[in-house]
PDB file of N, CA and C in Angstrom:
ATOM      1  N   UNK A   1     -57.653   9.017  -4.839  1.00  0.00           N
ATOM      2  CA  UNK A   1     -56.916   8.461  -5.956  1.00  0.00           C
ATOM      3  C   UNK A   1     -56.217   7.185  -5.501  1.00  0.00           C
ATOM      4  N   UNK A   2     -56.452   6.119  -6.231  1.00  0.00           N
ATOM      5  CA  UNK A   2     -55.916   4.835  -5.793  1.00  0.00           C
ATOM      6  C   UNK A   2     -54.883   4.232  -6.726  1.00  0.00           C
ATOM      7  N   UNK A   3     -54.547   4.913  -7.803  1.00  0.00           N
ATOM      8  CA  UNK A   3     -53.557   4.327  -8.705  1.00  0.00           C
ATOM      9  C   UNK A   3     -52.746   5.426  -9.369  1.00  0.00           C
ATOM     10  N   UNK A   4     -51.615   5.025  -9.926  1.00  0.00           N
ATOM     11  CA  UNK A   4     -50.712   6.004 -10.536  1.00  0.00           C
ATOM     12  C   UNK A   4     -51.288   6.634 -11.796  1.00  0.00           C
ATOM     13  N   UNK A   5     -52.078   5.880 -12.538  1.00  0.00           N
ATOM     14  CA  UNK A   5     -52.681   6.453 -13.748  1.00  0.00           C
ATOM     15  C   UNK A   5     -53.626   7.598 -13.396  1.00  0.00           C
ATOM     16  N   UNK A   6     -54.425   7.423 -12.371  1.00  0.00           N
ATOM     17  CA  UNK A   6     -55.330   8.496 -11.939  1.00  0.00           C
ATOM     18  C   UNK A   6     -54.543   9.697 -11.439  1.00  0.00           C
ATOM     19  N   UNK A   7     -53.473   9.441 -10.699  1.00  0.00           N
ATOM     20  CA  UNK A   7     -52.623  10.529 -10.231  1.00  0.00           C
ATOM     21  C   UNK A   7     -51.979  11.242 -11.420  1.00  0.00           C
ATOM     22  N   UNK A   8     -51.449  10.481 -12.360  1.00  0.00           N
ATOM     23  CA  UNK A   8     -50.856  11.070 -13.562  1.00  0.00           C
ATOM     24  C   UNK A   8     -51.857  11.968 -14.273  1.00  0.00           C
ATOM     25  N   UNK A   9     -53.065  11.469 -14.471  1.00  0.00           N
ATOM     26  CA  UNK A   9     -54.098  12.243 -15.165  1.00  0.00           C
ATOM     27  C   UNK A   9     -54.454  13.513 -14.395  1.00  0.00           C
ATOM     28  N   UNK A  10     -54.550  13.404 -13.079  1.00  0.00           N
ATOM     29  CA  UNK A  10     -54.854  14.581 -12.259  1.00  0.00           C
ATOM     30  C   UNK A  10     -53.727  15.604 -12.334  1.00  0.00           C
ATOM     31  N   UNK A  11     -52.485  15.125 -12.360  1.00  0.00           N
ATOM     32  CA  UNK A  11     -51.341  16.038 -12.472  1.00  0.00           C
ATOM     33  C   UNK A  11     -51.295  16.705 -13.840  1.00  0.00           C
ATOM     34  N   UNK A  12     -51.616  15.966 -14.878  1.00  0.00           N
ATOM     35  CA  UNK A  12     -51.702  16.569 -16.211  1.00  0.00           C
ATOM     36  C   UNK A  12     -52.716  17.705 -16.215  1.00  0.00           C
ATOM     37  N   UNK A  13     -53.880  17.445 -15.637  1.00  0.00           N
ATOM     38  CA  UNK A  13     -54.939  18.457 -15.608  1.00  0.00           C
ATOM     39  C   UNK A  13     -54.539  19.646 -14.744  1.00  0.00           C
ATOM     40  N   UNK A  14     -53.941  19.377 -13.615  1.00  0.00           N
ATOM     41  CA  UNK A  14     -53.486  20.435 -12.712  1.00  0.00           C
ATOM     42  C   UNK A  14     -52.522  21.377 -13.432  1.00  0.00           C
ATOM     43  N   UNK A  15     -51.544  20.796 -14.138  1.00  0.00           N
ATOM     44  CA  UNK A  15     -50.575  21.611 -14.871  1.00  0.00           C
ATOM     45  C   UNK A  15     -51.243  22.350 -16.022  1.00  0.00           C
ATOM     46  N   UNK A  16     -52.131  21.680 -16.742  1.00  0.00           N
ATOM     47  CA  UNK A  16     -52.818  22.316 -17.877  1.00  0.00           C
ATOM     48  C   UNK A  16     -53.674  23.493 -17.410  1.00  0.00           C
ATOM     49  N   UNK A  17     -54.374  23.327 -16.295  1.00  0.00           N
ATOM     50  CA  UNK A  17     -55.234  24.393 -15.783  1.00  0.00           C
ATOM     51  C   UNK A  17     -54.448  25.649 -15.436  1.00  0.00           C
ATOM     52  N   UNK A  18     -53.166  25.488 -15.143  1.00  0.00           N
ATOM     53  CA  UNK A  18     -52.321  26.607 -14.741  1.00  0.00           C
ATOM     54  C   UNK A  18     -51.330  27.034 -15.823  1.00  0.00           C
ATOM     55  N   UNK A  19     -51.420  26.388 -16.988  1.00  0.00           N
ATOM     56  CA  UNK A  19     -50.479  26.628 -18.081  1.00  0.00           C
ATOM     57  C   UNK A  19     -49.035  26.425 -17.628  1.00  0.00           C
ATOM     58  N   UNK A  20     -48.819  25.392 -16.817  1.00  0.00           N
ATOM     59  CA  UNK A  20     -47.483  25.084 -16.301  1.00  0.00           C
ATOM     60  C   UNK A  20     -46.772  24.016 -17.123  1.00  0.00           C
ATOM     61  N   UNK A  21     -47.464  23.396 -18.046  1.00  0.00           N
ATOM     62  CA  UNK A  21     -46.831  22.337 -18.828  1.00  0.00           C
ATOM     63  C   UNK A  21     -45.576  22.855 -19.535  1.00  0.00           C
ATOM     64  N   UNK A  22     -45.608  24.112 -19.913  1.00  0.00           N
ATOM     65  CA  UNK A  22     -44.457  24.718 -20.593  1.00  0.00           C
ATOM     66  C   UNK A  22     -43.201  24.698 -19.721  1.00  0.00           C
ATOM     67  N   UNK A  23     -43.369  24.627 -18.413  1.00  0.00           N
ATOM     68  CA  UNK A  23     -42.224  24.630 -17.496  1.00  0.00           C
ATOM     69  C   UNK A  23     -41.801  23.224 -17.080  1.00  0.00           C
ATOM     70  N   UNK A  24     -42.611  22.232 -17.429  1.00  0.00           N
ATOM     71  CA  UNK A  24     -42.369  20.878 -16.960  1.00  0.00           C
ATOM     72  C   UNK A  24     -41.544  20.049 -17.945  1.00  0.00           C
ATOM     73  N   UNK A  25     -40.381  20.558 -18.262  1.00  0.00           N
ATOM     74  CA  UNK A  25     -39.443  19.770 -19.070  1.00  0.00           C
ATOM     75  C   UNK A  25     -38.836  18.696 -18.174  1.00  0.00           C
ATOM     76  N   UNK A  26     -38.343  17.621 -18.763  1.00  0.00           N
ATOM     77  CA  UNK A  26     -37.685  16.609 -17.926  1.00  0.00           C
ATOM     78  C   UNK A  26     -36.580  17.214 -17.060  1.00  0.00           C
ATOM     79  N   UNK A  27     -35.785  18.105 -17.602  1.00  0.00           N
ATOM     80  CA  UNK A  27     -34.706  18.741 -16.837  1.00  0.00           C
ATOM     81  C   UNK A  27     -35.252  19.471 -15.620  1.00  0.00           C
ATOM     82  N   UNK A  28     -36.296  20.249 -15.805  1.00  0.00           N
ATOM     83  CA  UNK A  28     -36.875  21.001 -14.687  1.00  0.00           C
ATOM     84  C   UNK A  28     -37.534  20.084 -13.662  1.00  0.00           C
ATOM     85  N   UNK A  29     -38.166  19.031 -14.136  1.00  0.00           N
ATOM     86  CA  UNK A  29     -38.810  18.098 -13.216  1.00  0.00           C
ATOM     87  C   UNK A  29     -37.785  17.332 -12.387  1.00  0.00           C
ATOM     88  N   UNK A  30     -36.670  16.969 -13.002  1.00  0.00           N
ATOM     89  CA  UNK A  30     -35.605  16.298 -12.249  1.00  0.00           C
ATOM     90  C   UNK A  30     -35.049  17.235 -11.178  1.00  0.00           C
ATOM     91  N   UNK A  31     -34.852  18.503 -11.531  1.00  0.00           N
ATOM     92  CA  UNK A  31     -34.362  19.472 -10.548  1.00  0.00           C
ATOM     93  C   UNK A  31     -35.353  19.608  -9.394  1.00  0.00           C
ATOM     94  N   UNK A  32     -36.629  19.732  -9.711  1.00  0.00           N
ATOM     95  CA  UNK A  32     -37.654  19.869  -8.676  1.00  0.00           C
ATOM     96  C   UNK A  32     -37.714  18.614  -7.809  1.00  0.00           C
ATOM     97  N   UNK A  33     -37.605  17.451  -8.432  1.00  0.00           N
ATOM     98  CA  UNK A  33     -37.607  16.186  -7.699  1.00  0.00           C
ATOM     99  C   UNK A  33     -36.437  16.127  -6.724  1.00  0.00           C
ATOM    100  N   UNK A  34     -35.281  16.559  -7.169  1.00  0.00           N
ATOM    101  CA  UNK A  34     -34.092  16.566  -6.322  1.00  0.00           C
ATOM    102  C   UNK A  34     -34.280  17.479  -5.112  1.00  0.00           C
ATOM    103  N   UNK A  35     -34.856  18.639  -5.329  1.00  0.00           N
ATOM    104  CA  UNK A  35     -35.121  19.572  -4.228  1.00  0.00           C
ATOM    105  C   UNK A  35     -36.085  18.949  -3.230  1.00  0.00           C
ATOM    106  N   UNK A  36     -37.148  18.349  -3.734  1.00  0.00           N
ATOM    107  CA  UNK A  36     -38.143  17.749  -2.843  1.00  0.00           C
ATOM    108  C   UNK A  36     -37.564  16.557  -2.082  1.00  0.00           C
ATOM    109  N   UNK A  37     -36.717  15.771  -2.725  1.00  0.00           N
ATOM    110  CA  UNK A  37     -36.080  14.646  -2.035  1.00  0.00           C
ATOM    111  C   UNK A  37     -35.179  15.165  -0.910  1.00  0.00           C
ATOM    112  N   UNK A  38     -34.483  16.270  -1.155  1.00  0.00           N
ATOM    113  CA  UNK A  38     -33.664  16.872  -0.106  1.00  0.00           C
ATOM    114  C   UNK A  38     -34.535  17.382   1.039  1.00  0.00           C
ATOM    115  N   UNK A  39     -35.678  17.964   0.703  1.00  0.00           N
ATOM    116  CA  UNK A  39     -36.589  18.448   1.742  1.00  0.00           C
ATOM    117  C   UNK A  39     -37.153  17.295   2.571  1.00  0.00           C
ATOM    118  N   UNK A  40     -37.239  16.124   1.995  1.00  0.00           N
ATOM    119  CA  UNK A  40     -37.699  14.955   2.735  1.00  0.00           C
ATOM    120  C   UNK A  40     -36.716  14.593   3.851  1.00  0.00           C
ATOM    121  N   UNK A  41     -35.472  14.936   3.680  1.00  0.00           N
ATOM    122  CA  UNK A  41     -34.466  14.661   4.713  1.00  0.00           C
ATOM    123  C   UNK A  41     -34.608  15.565   5.931  1.00  0.00           C
ATOM    124  N   UNK A  42     -35.143  16.763   5.728  1.00  0.00           N
ATOM    125  CA  UNK A  42     -35.159  17.765   6.793  1.00  0.00           C
ATOM    126  C   UNK A  42     -35.798  17.286   8.098  1.00  0.00           C
ATOM    127  N   UNK A  43     -36.974  16.654   8.079  1.00  0.00           N
ATOM    128  CA  UNK A  43     -37.552  16.229   9.357  1.00  0.00           C
ATOM    129  C   UNK A  43     -36.700  15.198  10.107  1.00  0.00           C
ATOM    130  N   UNK A  44     -35.795  14.545   9.424  1.00  0.00           N
ATOM    131  CA  UNK A  44     -34.947  13.516  10.027  1.00  0.00           C
ATOM    132  C   UNK A  44     -33.556  14.027  10.395  1.00  0.00           C
ATOM    133  N   UNK A  45     -33.238  15.240  10.021  1.00  0.00           N
ATOM    134  CA  UNK A  45     -31.866  15.740  10.029  1.00  0.00           C
ATOM    135  C   UNK A  45     -31.117  15.506  11.336  1.00  0.00           C
ATOM    136  N   UNK A  46     -31.686  15.814  12.450  1.00  0.00           N
ATOM    137  CA  UNK A  46     -30.960  15.724  13.719  1.00  0.00           C
ATOM    138  C   UNK A  46     -31.496  14.621  14.632  1.00  0.00           C
ATOM    139  N   UNK A  47     -32.277  13.729  14.074  1.00  0.00           N
ATOM    140  CA  UNK A  47     -32.832  12.646  14.876  1.00  0.00           C
ATOM    141  C   UNK A  47     -31.857  11.479  14.991  1.00  0.00           C
ATOM    142  N   UNK A  48     -31.979  10.760  16.077  1.00  0.00           N
ATOM    143  CA  UNK A  48     -31.243   9.499  16.193  1.00  0.00           C
ATOM    144  C   UNK A  48     -31.971   8.450  15.357  1.00  0.00           C
ATOM    145  N   UNK A  49     -31.341   7.308  15.176  1.00  0.00           N
ATOM    146  CA  UNK A  49     -31.992   6.204  14.472  1.00  0.00           C
ATOM    147  C   UNK A  49     -33.315   5.861  15.156  1.00  0.00           C
ATOM    148  N   UNK A  50     -33.286   5.771  16.481  1.00  0.00           N
ATOM    149  CA  UNK A  50     -34.486   5.412  17.230  1.00  0.00           C
ATOM    150  C   UNK A  50     -35.568   6.477  17.093  1.00  0.00           C
ATOM    151  N   UNK A  51     -35.207   7.748  17.200  1.00  0.00           N
ATOM    152  CA  UNK A  51     -36.186   8.825  17.057  1.00  0.00           C
ATOM    153  C   UNK A  51     -36.827   8.822  15.678  1.00  0.00           C
ATOM    154  N   UNK A  52     -36.043   8.462  14.665  1.00  0.00           N
ATOM    155  CA  UNK A  52     -36.579   8.457  13.297  1.00  0.00           C
ATOM    156  C   UNK A  52     -37.656   7.393  13.109  1.00  0.00           C
ATOM    157  N   UNK A  53     -37.704   6.430  14.008  1.00  0.00           N
ATOM    158  CA  UNK A  53     -38.716   5.372  13.946  1.00  0.00           C
ATOM    159  C   UNK A  53     -39.995   5.734  14.705  1.00  0.00           C
ATOM    160  N   UNK A  54     -39.937   6.814  15.468  1.00  0.00           N
ATOM    161  CA  UNK A  54     -41.073   7.208  16.314  1.00  0.00           C
ATOM    162  C   UNK A  54     -41.318   8.708  16.167  1.00  0.00           C
ATOM    163  N   UNK A  55     -41.820   9.104  15.022  1.00  0.00           N
ATOM    164  CA  UNK A  55     -42.036  10.521  14.741  1.00  0.00           C
ATOM    165  C   UNK A  55     -43.269  11.043  15.470  1.00  0.00           C
ATOM    166  N   UNK A  56     -43.204  12.317  15.824  1.00  0.00           N
ATOM    167  CA  UNK A  56     -44.381  12.979  16.382  1.00  0.00           C
ATOM    168  C   UNK A  56     -45.410  13.165  15.267  1.00  0.00           C
ATOM    169  N   UNK A  57     -46.608  13.535  15.640  1.00  0.00           N
ATOM    170  CA  UNK A  57     -47.649  13.776  14.636  1.00  0.00           C
ATOM    171  C   UNK A  57     -47.226  14.881  13.675  1.00  0.00           C
ATOM    172  N   UNK A  58     -46.616  15.935  14.198  1.00  0.00           N
ATOM    173  CA  UNK A  58     -46.176  17.044  13.340  1.00  0.00           C
ATOM    174  C   UNK A  58     -45.055  16.599  12.399  1.00  0.00           C
ATOM    175  N   UNK A  59     -44.113  15.822  12.923  1.00  0.00           N
ATOM    176  CA  UNK A  59     -43.027  15.323  12.081  1.00  0.00           C
ATOM    177  C   UNK A  59     -43.566  14.390  11.005  1.00  0.00           C
ATOM    178  N   UNK A  60     -44.493  13.533  11.375  1.00  0.00           N
ATOM    179  CA  UNK A  60     -45.082  12.597  10.425  1.00  0.00           C
ATOM    180  C   UNK A  60     -45.835  13.342   9.326  1.00  0.00           C
ATOM    181  N   UNK A  61     -46.531  14.400   9.684  1.00  0.00           N
ATOM    182  CA  UNK A  61     -47.238  15.204   8.684  1.00  0.00           C
ATOM    183  C   UNK A  61     -46.249  15.868   7.730  1.00  0.00           C
ATOM    184  N   UNK A  62     -45.141  16.385   8.232  1.00  0.00           N
ATOM    185  CA  UNK A  62     -44.120  16.997   7.374  1.00  0.00           C
ATOM    186  C   UNK A  62     -43.550  15.966   6.407  1.00  0.00           C
ATOM    187  N   UNK A  63     -43.286  14.769   6.891  1.00  0.00           N
ATOM    188  CA  UNK A  63     -42.772  13.686   6.041  1.00  0.00           C
ATOM    189  C   UNK A  63     -43.816  13.305   4.997  1.00  0.00           C
ATOM    190  N   UNK A  64     -45.062  13.209   5.402  1.00  0.00           N
ATOM    191  CA  UNK A  64     -46.140  12.861   4.471  1.00  0.00           C
ATOM    192  C   UNK A  64     -46.214  13.868   3.326  1.00  0.00           C
ATOM    193  N   UNK A  65     -46.133  15.135   3.643  1.00  0.00           N
ATOM    194  CA  UNK A  65     -46.202  16.164   2.606  1.00  0.00           C
ATOM    195  C   UNK A  65     -44.998  16.103   1.664  1.00  0.00           C
ATOM    196  N   UNK A  66     -43.823  15.846   2.187  1.00  0.00           N
ATOM    197  CA  UNK A  66     -42.641  15.758   1.328  1.00  0.00           C
ATOM    198  C   UNK A  66     -42.667  14.498   0.468  1.00  0.00           C
ATOM    199  N   UNK A  67     -43.155  13.396   1.016  1.00  0.00           N
ATOM    200  CA  UNK A  67     -43.314  12.182   0.205  1.00  0.00           C
ATOM    201  C   UNK A  67     -44.278  12.460  -0.940  1.00  0.00           C
ATOM    202  N   UNK A  68     -45.346  13.185  -0.651  1.00  0.00           N
ATOM    203  CA  UNK A  68     -46.303  13.540  -1.702  1.00  0.00           C
ATOM    204  C   UNK A  68     -45.620  14.369  -2.788  1.00  0.00           C
ATOM    205  N   UNK A  69     -44.816  15.345  -2.397  1.00  0.00           N
ATOM    206  CA  UNK A  69     -44.115  16.179  -3.384  1.00  0.00           C
ATOM    207  C   UNK A  69     -43.175  15.343  -4.243  1.00  0.00           C
ATOM    208  N   UNK A  70     -42.435  14.445  -3.605  1.00  0.00           N
ATOM    209  CA  UNK A  70     -41.517  13.573  -4.356  1.00  0.00           C
ATOM    210  C   UNK A  70     -42.290  12.724  -5.346  1.00  0.00           C
ATOM    211  N   UNK A  71     -43.374  12.131  -4.894  1.00  0.00           N
ATOM    212  CA  UNK A  71     -44.185  11.284  -5.772  1.00  0.00           C
ATOM    213  C   UNK A  71     -44.773  12.090  -6.927  1.00  0.00           C
ATOM    214  N   UNK A  72     -45.271  13.265  -6.636  1.00  0.00           N
ATOM    215  CA  UNK A  72     -45.859  14.110  -7.680  1.00  0.00           C
ATOM    216  C   UNK A  72     -44.839  14.402  -8.777  1.00  0.00           C
ATOM    217  N   UNK A  73     -43.663  14.847  -8.403  1.00  0.00           N
ATOM    218  CA  UNK A  73     -42.655  15.156  -9.423  1.00  0.00           C
ATOM    219  C   UNK A  73     -42.168  13.902 -10.136  1.00  0.00           C
ATOM    220  N   UNK A  74     -42.060  12.792  -9.429  1.00  0.00           N
ATOM    221  CA  UNK A  74     -41.626  11.549 -10.061  1.00  0.00           C
ATOM    222  C   UNK A  74     -42.646  11.066 -11.081  1.00  0.00           C
ATOM    223  N   UNK A  75     -43.914  11.113 -10.723  1.00  0.00           N
ATOM    224  CA  UNK A  75     -44.969  10.693 -11.657  1.00  0.00           C
ATOM    225  C   UNK A  75     -45.014  11.636 -12.851  1.00  0.00           C
ATOM    226  N   UNK A  76     -44.857  12.914 -12.611  1.00  0.00           N
ATOM    227  CA  UNK A  76     -44.873  13.888 -13.714  1.00  0.00           C
ATOM    228  C   UNK A  76     -43.693  13.638 -14.656  1.00  0.00           C
ATOM    229  N   UNK A  77     -42.513  13.382 -14.115  1.00  0.00           N
ATOM    230  CA  UNK A  77     -41.330  13.093 -14.930  1.00  0.00           C
ATOM    231  C   UNK A  77     -41.532  11.811 -15.739  1.00  0.00           C
ATOM    232  N   UNK A  78     -42.026  10.777 -15.098  1.00  0.00           N
ATOM    233  CA  UNK A  78     -42.270   9.522 -15.808  1.00  0.00           C
ATOM    234  C   UNK A  78     -43.261   9.733 -16.945  1.00  0.00           C
ATOM    235  N   UNK A  79     -44.280  10.542 -16.702  1.00  0.00           N
ATOM    236  CA  UNK A  79     -45.267  10.839 -17.741  1.00  0.00           C
ATOM    237  C   UNK A  79     -44.605  11.544 -18.919  1.00  0.00           C
ATOM    238  N   UNK A  80     -43.786  12.531 -18.638  1.00  0.00           N
ATOM    239  CA  UNK A  80     -43.125  13.278 -19.716  1.00  0.00           C
ATOM    240  C   UNK A  80     -42.209  12.395 -20.554  1.00  0.00           C
ATOM    241  N   UNK A  81     -41.632  11.383 -19.947  1.00  0.00           N
ATOM    242  CA  UNK A  81     -40.701  10.501 -20.648  1.00  0.00           C
ATOM    243  C   UNK A  81     -41.352   9.195 -21.092  1.00  0.00           C
ATOM    244  N   UNK A  82     -42.673   9.083 -20.899  1.00  0.00           N
ATOM    245  CA  UNK A  82     -43.434   7.892 -21.280  1.00  0.00           C
ATOM    246  C   UNK A  82     -42.855   6.621 -20.649  1.00  0.00           C
ATOM    247  N   UNK A  83     -42.586   6.719 -19.349  1.00  0.00           N
ATOM    248  CA  UNK A  83     -42.088   5.579 -18.575  1.00  0.00           C
ATOM    249  C   UNK A  83     -43.180   5.160 -17.599  1.00  0.00           C
ATOM    250  N   UNK A  84     -43.479   3.872 -17.564  1.00  0.00           N
ATOM    251  CA  UNK A  84     -44.408   3.342 -16.578  1.00  0.00           C
ATOM    252  C   UNK A  84     -43.605   3.084 -15.309  1.00  0.00           C
ATOM    253  N   UNK A  85     -43.800   3.898 -14.259  1.00  0.00           N
ATOM    254  CA  UNK A  85     -42.961   3.735 -13.069  1.00  0.00           C
ATOM    255  C   UNK A  85     -43.144   2.404 -12.370  1.00  0.00           C
ATOM    256  N   UNK A  86     -44.338   1.834 -12.392  1.00  0.00           N
ATOM    257  CA  UNK A  86     -44.535   0.526 -11.760  1.00  0.00           C
ATOM    258  C   UNK A  86     -43.813  -0.571 -12.533  1.00  0.00           C
ATOM    259  N   UNK A  87     -43.873  -0.521 -13.845  1.00  0.00           N
ATOM    260  CA  UNK A  87     -43.149  -1.495 -14.666  1.00  0.00           C
ATOM    261  C   UNK A  87     -41.641  -1.315 -14.496  1.00  0.00           C
ATOM    262  N   UNK A  88     -41.193  -0.062 -14.428  1.00  0.00           N
ATOM    263  CA  UNK A  88     -39.766   0.205 -14.229  1.00  0.00           C
ATOM    264  C   UNK A  88     -39.308  -0.345 -12.884  1.00  0.00           C
ATOM    265  N   UNK A  89     -40.106  -0.128 -11.836  1.00  0.00           N
ATOM    266  CA  UNK A  89     -39.751  -0.629 -10.508  1.00  0.00           C
ATOM    267  C   UNK A  89     -39.739  -2.152 -10.477  1.00  0.00           C
ATOM    268  N   UNK A  90     -40.712  -2.778 -11.123  1.00  0.00           N
ATOM    269  CA  UNK A  90     -40.756  -4.242 -11.170  1.00  0.00           C
ATOM    270  C   UNK A  90     -39.529  -4.787 -11.891  1.00  0.00           C
ATOM    271  N   UNK A  91     -39.164  -4.153 -12.997  1.00  0.00           N
ATOM    272  CA  UNK A  91     -37.975  -4.579 -13.730  1.00  0.00           C
ATOM    273  C   UNK A  91     -36.706  -4.396 -12.911  1.00  0.00           C
ATOM    274  N   UNK A  92     -36.625  -3.291 -12.195  1.00  0.00           N
ATOM    275  CA  UNK A  92     -35.450  -3.031 -11.369  1.00  0.00           C
ATOM    276  C   UNK A  92     -35.363  -4.006 -10.204  1.00  0.00           C
ATOM    277  N   UNK A  93     -36.504  -4.413  -9.672  1.00  0.00           N
ATOM    278  CA  UNK A  93     -36.507  -5.398  -8.600  1.00  0.00           C
ATOM    279  C   UNK A  93     -35.932  -6.732  -9.078  1.00  0.00           C
ATOM    280  N   UNK A  94     -36.242  -7.121 -10.303  1.00  0.00           N
ATOM    281  CA  UNK A  94     -35.680  -8.345 -10.886  1.00  0.00           C
ATOM    282  C   UNK A  94     -34.164  -8.214 -11.008  1.00  0.00           C
ATOM    283  N   UNK A  95     -33.716  -7.077 -11.516  1.00  0.00           N
ATOM    284  CA  UNK A  95     -32.272  -6.818 -11.656  1.00  0.00           C
ATOM    285  C   UNK A  95     -31.592  -6.877 -10.294  1.00  0.00           C
ATOM    286  N   UNK A  96     -32.192  -6.205  -9.292  1.00  0.00           N
ATOM    287  CA  UNK A  96     -31.596  -6.182  -7.957  1.00  0.00           C
ATOM    288  C   UNK A  96     -31.576  -7.559  -7.306  1.00  0.00           C
ATOM    289  N   UNK A  97     -32.584  -8.378  -7.576  1.00  0.00           N
ATOM    290  CA  UNK A  97     -32.600  -9.737  -7.028  1.00  0.00           C
ATOM    291  C   UNK A  97     -31.430 -10.547  -7.561  1.00  0.00           C
ATOM    292  N   UNK A  98     -31.106 -10.344  -8.835  1.00  0.00           N
ATOM    293  CA  UNK A  98     -29.938 -11.029  -9.413  1.00  0.00           C
ATOM    294  C   UNK A  98     -28.643 -10.439  -8.870  1.00  0.00           C
ATOM    295  N   UNK A  99     -28.613  -9.125  -8.735  1.00  0.00           N
ATOM    296  CA  UNK A  99     -27.401  -8.414  -8.308  1.00  0.00           C
ATOM    297  C   UNK A  99     -27.088  -8.666  -6.832  1.00  0.00           C
ATOM    298  N   UNK A 100     -28.125  -8.816  -6.021  1.00  0.00           N
ATOM    299  CA  UNK A 100     -27.963  -8.993  -4.579  1.00  0.00           C
ATOM    300  C   UNK A 100     -28.702 -10.246  -4.117  1.00  0.00           C
ATOM    301  N   UNK A 101     -28.138 -11.426  -4.377  1.00  0.00           N
ATOM    302  CA  UNK A 101     -28.824 -12.663  -3.997  1.00  0.00           C
ATOM    303  C   UNK A 101     -29.021 -12.720  -2.475  1.00  0.00           C
ATOM    304  N   UNK A 102     -30.238 -13.043  -2.062  1.00  0.00           N
ATOM    305  CA  UNK A 102     -30.586 -13.031  -0.643  1.00  0.00           C
ATOM    306  C   UNK A 102     -29.651 -13.896   0.188  1.00  0.00           C
ATOM    307  N   UNK A 103     -29.259 -15.038  -0.330  1.00  0.00           N
ATOM    308  CA  UNK A 103     -28.396 -15.922   0.447  1.00  0.00           C
ATOM    309  C   UNK A 103     -26.986 -15.372   0.624  1.00  0.00           C
ATOM    310  N   UNK A 104     -26.623 -14.354  -0.156  1.00  0.00           N
ATOM    311  CA  UNK A 104     -25.282 -13.758  -0.064  1.00  0.00           C
ATOM    312  C   UNK A 104     -25.274 -12.445   0.719  1.00  0.00           C
ATOM    313  N   UNK A 105     -26.399 -11.762   0.783  1.00  0.00           N
ATOM    314  CA  UNK A 105     -26.408 -10.419   1.369  1.00  0.00           C
ATOM    315  C   UNK A 105     -27.291 -10.292   2.614  1.00  0.00           C
ATOM    316  N   UNK A 106     -28.001 -11.314   2.962  1.00  0.00           N
ATOM    317  CA  UNK A 106     -28.950 -11.238   4.081  1.00  0.00           C
ATOM    318  C   UNK A 106     -28.266 -10.692   5.344  1.00  0.00           C
ATOM    319  N   UNK A 107     -28.864  -9.627   5.889  1.00  0.00           N
ATOM    320  CA  UNK A 107     -28.404  -9.069   7.148  1.00  0.00           C
ATOM    321  C   UNK A 107     -27.169  -8.208   7.068  1.00  0.00           C
ATOM    322  N   UNK A 108     -26.672  -7.925   5.874  1.00  0.00           N
ATOM    323  CA  UNK A 108     -25.447  -7.152   5.725  1.00  0.00           C
ATOM    324  C   UNK A 108     -25.708  -5.857   4.961  1.00  0.00           C
ATOM    325  N   UNK A 109     -25.164  -4.763   5.457  1.00  0.00           N
ATOM    326  CA  UNK A 109     -25.272  -3.478   4.768  1.00  0.00           C
ATOM    327  C   UNK A 109     -24.037  -3.212   3.923  1.00  0.00           C
ATOM    328  N   UNK A 110     -23.077  -4.137   3.944  1.00  0.00           N
ATOM    329  CA  UNK A 110     -21.857  -3.969   3.162  1.00  0.00           C
ATOM    330  C   UNK A 110     -22.163  -4.070   1.680  1.00  0.00           C
ATOM    331  N   UNK A 111     -21.384  -3.402   0.874  1.00  0.00           N
ATOM    332  CA  UNK A 111     -21.509  -3.474  -0.573  1.00  0.00           C
ATOM    333  C   UNK A 111     -21.205  -4.905  -0.999  1.00  0.00           C
ATOM    334  N   UNK A 112     -22.127  -5.516  -1.720  1.00  0.00           N
ATOM    335  CA  UNK A 112     -21.918  -6.893  -2.182  1.00  0.00           C
ATOM    336  C   UNK A 112     -21.191  -6.864  -3.513  1.00  0.00           C
ATOM    337  N   UNK A 113     -20.108  -7.594  -3.573  1.00  0.00           N
ATOM    338  CA  UNK A 113     -19.360  -7.758  -4.816  1.00  0.00           C
ATOM    339  C   UNK A 113     -19.247  -9.248  -5.080  1.00  0.00           C
ATOM    340  N   UNK A 114     -19.835  -9.713  -6.188  1.00  0.00           N
ATOM    341  CA  UNK A 114     -19.794 -11.168  -6.455  1.00  0.00           C
ATOM    342  C   UNK A 114     -18.384 -11.675  -6.663  1.00  0.00           C
TER     343      UNK A 114
END
């Protein structure tokens, strides 16, 4: 699968084949997404900054699976709410570019206040 539309369609079919659509309300999908995002933290929990940049094969596989879970629930939620996630991300990038001008925030992790 190379695009979000194909993934969305596959997820629709996956849920339909299992009669799970009845459980995929936006509220439930947000809850599931939150759980999966928390699980994504687990492989990093006790690592140093440096260790987090050099994961073992097993750690990388665990992260890959959790990223997949996060993406699956996010795409499913966007589908239920008729939101194009790529368009939403592109729009948010424009907003963030205005909110955080590169010449004002470059190299700083501090909260930028104009």
